[in-house]
C-alpha cells in the first residue's frame, strides 16, 4: 500500500508541473509582442520568387508625371542663359567723327576747337592712321582699345561701350598774343605729340558717341619780354626763339559723334 500511494503521488506531481508550464506559455508569448512569427524557410529556392508590383506599379501602373506637362516649366539645356555676343564690330570699317573741344588746364585763356577724326580699324582693337585737326593741328596717331563692356540702362536697354587709348605726333600752329594792343604778331609751327584716353558708346550699327581727353605736348615760343616799340617783327621772333621758348601741355576735352562706313556688319563664326 505504501508503494502504491507513493507511485500515485509521483504521477500527480508530474501532472501538476506539466499543467503549470502549459499555463505559463501564453504569458511568455504575450510578453514577446504577440503571435510568434513562423521560422524562415531555409529550403533552397524558397526565396526565388520576386514581387514586381512595386516596379511595374501592379497590374494597372499609373503613368509618372513629367515636367513637360501643361503649365509646368521645361528644364533643359535651352534654359541656360548665355552672354550676348558683341553688339558692334569695327574691323575693316572707317569712322568719321566730327568733334568739338575745349581746354581744361589754362586759367588765363580758354581755347575752343572744332575738327574731326578719320579712323580706319585694322582689327576691332587697333586703328591707324588717325588724321586730327585741332584748329591748326594735324596729327598721325595709333589707337588701341584696351577694354570693352556693357551696362544696363533703366533696367530696359543694354548699352555697349569701349575704352580707347591713342598716341600720336603732328604739327601745331600757334600765334602769339602781343602785350601791347595793335602790335603785329607772329606764328609758330611746333612739332606736337599727344596722348589720349576716352570712352565710346555704341548707339546704332553705324553711330557712336565719344568723350575723349587729350594731352598735347609741344615746345612753343612766346613774345620776348623787352620788345621795343615799332620793332621789326622778324627781329622780335628771332629774339623770342632764343629767350622765350617753353614746353607746353595743352589738355583738352572732346565730344564727338562717330559715323561708320559701311553702315552695317556681319558676324563670322568658325564652323
Protein backbone atom coordinates (compact mmCIF):
# COMPACT_ATOMS: atom_id res chain seq x y z
CA UNK A 1 0.00 0.00 0.00
CA UNK A 2 2.81 2.39 0.82
CA UNK A 3 4.39 1.74 -2.59
CA UNK A 4 1.07 2.31 -4.42
CA UNK A 5 0.44 5.55 -2.59
CA UNK A 6 3.98 6.78 -3.33
CA UNK A 7 3.55 5.98 -7.06
CA UNK A 8 0.26 7.87 -7.27
CA UNK A 9 1.87 10.90 -5.54
CA UNK A 10 4.72 10.99 -8.11
CA UNK A 11 2.26 10.77 -11.04
CA UNK A 12 0.12 13.62 -9.68
CA UNK A 13 3.20 15.75 -9.06
CA UNK A 14 4.35 15.32 -12.65
CA UNK A 15 0.89 16.22 -13.97
CA UNK A 16 0.88 19.38 -11.82
CA UNK A 17 4.25 20.51 -13.15
CA UNK A 18 3.11 19.97 -16.77
CA UNK A 19 -0.09 21.92 -16.09
CA UNK A 20 1.82 24.86 -14.66
CA UNK A 21 4.18 25.01 -17.69
CA UNK A 22 1.26 24.90 -20.10
CA UNK A 23 -0.49 27.71 -18.24
CA UNK A 24 2.62 29.98 -18.32
CA UNK A 25 3.29 29.55 -22.05
CA UNK A 26 0.65 32.08 -23.28
CA UNK A 27 2.04 34.71 -20.85
CA UNK A 28 5.51 34.33 -22.34
CA UNK A 29 4.10 34.66 -25.83
CA UNK A 30 2.18 37.81 -24.87
CA UNK A 31 5.27 39.34 -23.31
CA UNK A 32 7.16 38.69 -26.55
CA UNK A 33 4.83 41.08 -28.54
CA UNK A 34 2.02 38.88 -29.85
CA UNK A 35 1.87 35.83 -32.06
CA UNK A 36 5.14 34.18 -32.87
CA UNK A 37 6.28 34.52 -36.47
CA UNK A 38 6.95 31.24 -38.16
CA UNK A 39 10.62 30.42 -38.70
CA UNK A 40 12.12 31.37 -42.04
CA UNK A 41 12.15 28.66 -44.63
CA UNK A 42 15.73 27.75 -45.33
CA UNK A 43 14.87 25.39 -48.14
CA UNK A 44 16.90 26.10 -51.31
CA UNK A 45 14.85 28.10 -53.85
CA UNK A 46 12.26 29.18 -51.29
CA UNK A 47 13.06 32.91 -51.73
CA UNK A 48 13.46 33.00 -55.54
CA UNK A 49 10.04 34.50 -56.19
CA UNK A 50 10.20 38.28 -56.86
CA UNK A 51 7.43 40.78 -56.26
CA UNK A 52 7.49 43.18 -59.25
CA UNK A 53 4.39 45.07 -58.24
CA UNK A 54 6.45 47.96 -56.83
CA UNK A 55 8.50 48.21 -60.02
CA UNK A 56 5.72 47.91 -62.57
CA UNK A 57 3.12 49.59 -60.40
CA UNK A 58 0.93 46.50 -60.12
CA UNK A 59 -1.48 45.38 -62.72
CA UNK A 60 -2.57 48.90 -63.58
CA UNK A 61 0.50 51.14 -63.15
CA UNK A 62 -0.15 54.88 -63.09
CA UNK A 63 1.86 56.95 -65.57
CA UNK A 64 4.57 59.10 -63.99
CA UNK A 65 4.18 62.85 -64.12
CA UNK A 66 6.74 64.61 -66.29
CA UNK A 67 7.96 68.19 -66.32
CA UNK A 68 6.64 68.58 -69.84
CA UNK A 69 3.06 68.62 -68.61
CA UNK A 70 0.93 71.64 -69.47
CA UNK A 71 1.81 74.62 -67.32
CA UNK A 72 4.99 73.07 -65.91
CA UNK A 73 8.36 74.77 -66.69
CA UNK A 74 10.58 72.95 -69.11
CA UNK A 75 14.07 72.26 -67.89
CA UNK A 76 16.74 71.56 -70.44
CA UNK A 77 19.93 72.97 -71.93
CA UNK A 78 17.81 75.56 -73.72
CA UNK A 79 17.18 77.24 -70.35
CA UNK A 80 20.88 78.13 -69.98
CA UNK A 81 21.31 81.90 -70.27
CA UNK A 82 24.37 82.83 -72.37
CA UNK A 83 26.25 86.11 -72.57
CA UNK A 84 25.11 88.08 -75.65
CA UNK A 85 27.73 88.47 -78.34
CA UNK A 86 29.49 91.73 -79.07
CA UNK A 87 26.94 94.19 -80.42
CA UNK A 88 29.29 96.28 -82.56
CA UNK A 89 32.16 95.33 -84.89
CA UNK A 90 34.74 97.88 -86.11
CA UNK A 91 37.14 95.68 -88.07
CA UNK A 92 37.84 96.97 -91.62
CA UNK A 93 35.48 99.93 -91.15
CA UNK A 94 36.11 103.66 -91.47
CA UNK A 95 34.99 106.08 -88.74
CA UNK A 96 34.36 109.74 -89.50
CA UNK A 97 33.96 111.61 -86.21
CA UNK A 98 33.46 115.40 -86.15
CA UNK A 99 34.25 116.82 -82.70
CA UNK A 100 34.18 119.95 -80.54
CA UNK A 101 36.76 120.59 -77.82
CA UNK A 102 37.66 122.95 -75.00
CA UNK A 103 40.84 123.47 -72.95
CA UNK A 104 40.83 122.47 -69.28
CA UNK A 105 44.18 123.43 -67.74
CA UNK A 106 44.70 127.09 -68.71
CA UNK A 107 43.09 129.52 -66.20
CA UNK A 108 44.01 132.64 -68.20
CA UNK A 109 42.73 131.84 -71.67
CA UNK A 110 40.23 129.30 -72.94
CA UNK A 111 40.51 127.78 -76.39
CA UNK A 112 37.63 126.24 -78.30
CA UNK A 113 38.32 123.76 -81.04
CA UNK A 114 36.34 122.15 -83.82
CA UNK A 115 37.61 119.41 -86.08
CA UNK A 116 37.25 115.77 -86.99
CA UNK A 117 38.81 112.32 -86.71
CA UNK A 118 39.21 109.93 -89.61
CA UNK A 119 39.93 106.40 -88.32
CA UNK A 120 40.40 103.09 -90.07
CA UNK A 121 40.24 99.96 -87.90
CA UNK A 122 42.69 97.20 -88.79
CA UNK A 123 41.01 94.98 -86.18
CA UNK A 124 38.37 95.60 -83.55
CA UNK A 125 41.04 96.97 -81.19
CA UNK A 126 43.66 98.56 -83.48
CA UNK A 127 43.18 101.71 -85.53
CA UNK A 128 45.65 103.51 -87.80
CA UNK A 129 46.04 106.07 -89.18
CA UNK A 130 44.10 108.88 -87.48
CA UNK A 131 44.09 112.36 -89.01
CA UNK A 132 43.15 115.01 -86.42
CA UNK A 133 42.66 118.73 -86.94
CA UNK A 134 42.57 120.81 -83.78
CA UNK A 135 42.33 124.35 -85.11
CA UNK A 136 45.78 124.41 -86.75
CA UNK A 137 46.83 121.00 -85.58
CA UNK A 138 47.37 117.86 -87.64
CA UNK A 139 48.49 114.52 -86.26
CA UNK A 140 49.03 110.91 -87.20
CA UNK A 141 48.09 108.62 -84.32
CA UNK A 142 47.96 104.96 -83.40
CA UNK A 143 44.98 103.81 -81.35
CA UNK A 144 44.15 100.77 -79.24
CA UNK A 145 41.00 99.54 -77.47
CA UNK A 146 42.13 98.06 -74.11
CA UNK A 147 38.67 97.37 -72.70
CA UNK A 148 35.10 96.60 -73.68
CA UNK A 149 31.91 96.19 -71.68
CA UNK A 150 28.20 96.90 -71.28
CA UNK A 151 25.75 98.20 -68.70
CA UNK A 152 22.00 98.22 -68.17
CA UNK A 153 20.11 101.49 -68.66
CA UNK A 154 16.82 101.93 -66.73
CA UNK A 155 16.64 98.15 -66.43
CA UNK A 156 15.43 98.11 -70.06
CA UNK A 157 18.31 98.64 -72.51
CA UNK A 158 21.84 97.22 -72.72
CA UNK A 159 24.40 99.86 -73.72
CA UNK A 160 27.76 98.68 -75.07
CA UNK A 161 30.91 100.75 -74.62
CA UNK A 162 34.66 100.53 -75.07
CA UNK A 163 37.75 102.32 -73.78
CA UNK A 164 40.11 103.97 -76.28
CA UNK A 165 43.78 104.87 -75.97
CA UNK A 166 45.84 106.79 -78.55
CA UNK A 167 49.40 108.04 -79.14
CA UNK A 168 50.16 110.48 -81.92
CA UNK A 169 52.54 113.02 -83.37
CA UNK A 170 51.77 116.02 -85.55
CA UNK A 171 52.16 119.73 -86.13
CA UNK A 172 50.63 122.55 -84.06
CA UNK A 173 50.37 126.06 -85.42
CA UNK A 174 50.20 128.75 -82.74
CA UNK A 175 50.06 132.53 -82.76
CA UNK A 176 51.37 134.87 -80.06
CA UNK A 177 49.14 137.39 -78.30
CA UNK A 178 51.11 140.72 -78.20
CA UNK A 179 51.25 142.51 -74.84
CA UNK A 180 50.69 145.86 -76.48
CA UNK A 181 47.43 146.15 -78.33
CA UNK A 182 47.98 146.76 -82.03
CA UNK A 183 51.49 145.24 -82.24
CA UNK A 184 51.94 142.69 -85.00
CA UNK A 185 52.09 139.02 -84.07
CA UNK A 186 53.93 136.01 -85.45
CA UNK A 187 53.06 132.33 -85.72
CA UNK A 188 54.88 129.12 -84.79
CA UNK A 189 54.85 125.65 -86.28
CA UNK A 190 55.53 123.27 -83.39
CA UNK A 191 56.06 119.53 -83.55
CA UNK A 192 53.43 118.12 -81.19
CA UNK A 193 52.96 114.78 -79.51
CA UNK A 194 49.75 113.80 -77.81
CA UNK A 195 48.26 111.03 -75.69
CA UNK A 196 44.53 110.43 -75.46
CA UNK A 197 42.09 108.42 -73.36
CA UNK A 198 38.36 108.20 -73.97
CA UNK A 199 35.17 106.22 -73.76
CA UNK A 200 32.82 105.43 -76.65
CA UNK A 201 29.15 104.44 -76.53
CA UNK A 202 27.59 102.40 -79.36
CA UNK A 203 24.16 103.74 -80.26
CA UNK A 204 23.44 102.10 -83.63
CA UNK A 205 25.30 99.82 -86.04
CA UNK A 206 26.73 102.94 -87.68
CA UNK A 207 26.58 105.59 -84.92
CA UNK A 208 28.71 106.15 -81.78
CA UNK A 209 29.13 108.87 -79.15
CA UNK A 210 32.58 109.55 -77.65
CA UNK A 211 34.10 111.56 -74.82
CA UNK A 212 37.89 111.93 -75.07
CA UNK A 213 40.65 113.66 -73.10
CA UNK A 214 43.89 114.53 -74.93
CA UNK A 215 47.13 115.99 -73.67
CA UNK A 216 49.03 117.90 -76.38
CA UNK A 217 52.73 118.42 -75.62
CA UNK A 218 54.94 120.76 -77.63
CA UNK A 219 57.63 123.41 -77.37
CA UNK A 220 56.14 126.82 -78.09
CA UNK A 221 57.59 130.30 -78.49
CA UNK A 222 56.16 133.34 -76.68
CA UNK A 223 56.71 137.06 -77.15
CA UNK A 224 60.00 138.42 -75.80
CA UNK A 225 59.73 140.45 -72.59
CA UNK A 226 61.65 143.57 -73.69
CA UNK A 227 60.00 144.12 -77.05
CA UNK A 228 60.71 147.60 -78.36
CA UNK A 229 58.03 149.85 -79.87
CA UNK A 230 57.92 149.63 -83.64
CA UNK A 231 60.50 146.82 -83.57
CA UNK A 232 60.59 144.72 -86.71
CA UNK A 233 58.53 141.54 -86.31
CA UNK A 234 61.33 139.37 -87.73
CA UNK A 235 63.67 140.66 -85.02
CA UNK A 236 61.03 140.10 -82.36
CA UNK A 237 60.55 136.49 -83.44
CA UNK A 238 64.28 135.83 -83.59
CA UNK A 239 64.85 137.17 -80.06
CA UNK A 240 61.78 135.29 -78.81
CA UNK A 241 63.09 131.98 -80.15
CA UNK A 242 66.29 132.36 -78.15
CA UNK A 243 64.76 133.51 -74.85
CA UNK A 244 61.05 132.64 -74.69
CA UNK A 245 60.92 129.01 -75.79
CA UNK A 246 58.85 126.93 -73.32
CA UNK A 247 57.43 123.42 -73.06
CA UNK A 248 53.61 123.47 -73.13
CA UNK A 249 50.97 120.91 -72.16
CA UNK A 250 47.54 121.65 -73.52
CA UNK A 251 44.87 119.32 -72.04
CA UNK A 252 41.58 119.31 -73.90
CA UNK A 253 38.25 117.53 -73.66
CA UNK A 254 36.41 116.48 -76.81
CA UNK A 255 32.89 115.31 -77.55
CA UNK A 256 32.43 113.58 -80.90
CA UNK A 257 29.84 111.74 -82.97
CA UNK A 258 31.15 108.76 -84.96
CA UNK A 259 29.72 107.72 -88.33
CA UNK A 260 30.85 104.32 -89.67
CA UNK A 261 31.32 103.20 -93.27
CA UNK A 262 29.99 100.71 -94.25
CA UNK A 263 26.95 101.29 -92.01
CA UNK A 264 26.40 97.56 -91.32
CA UNK A 265 28.48 94.48 -90.49
CA UNK A 266 28.09 90.70 -90.29
CA UNK A 267 29.31 88.14 -87.77
CA UNK A 268 31.66 85.35 -88.80
CA UNK A 269 31.88 82.29 -86.56
CA UNK A 270 34.10 79.21 -87.03
CA UNK A 271 32.33 76.02 -88.05
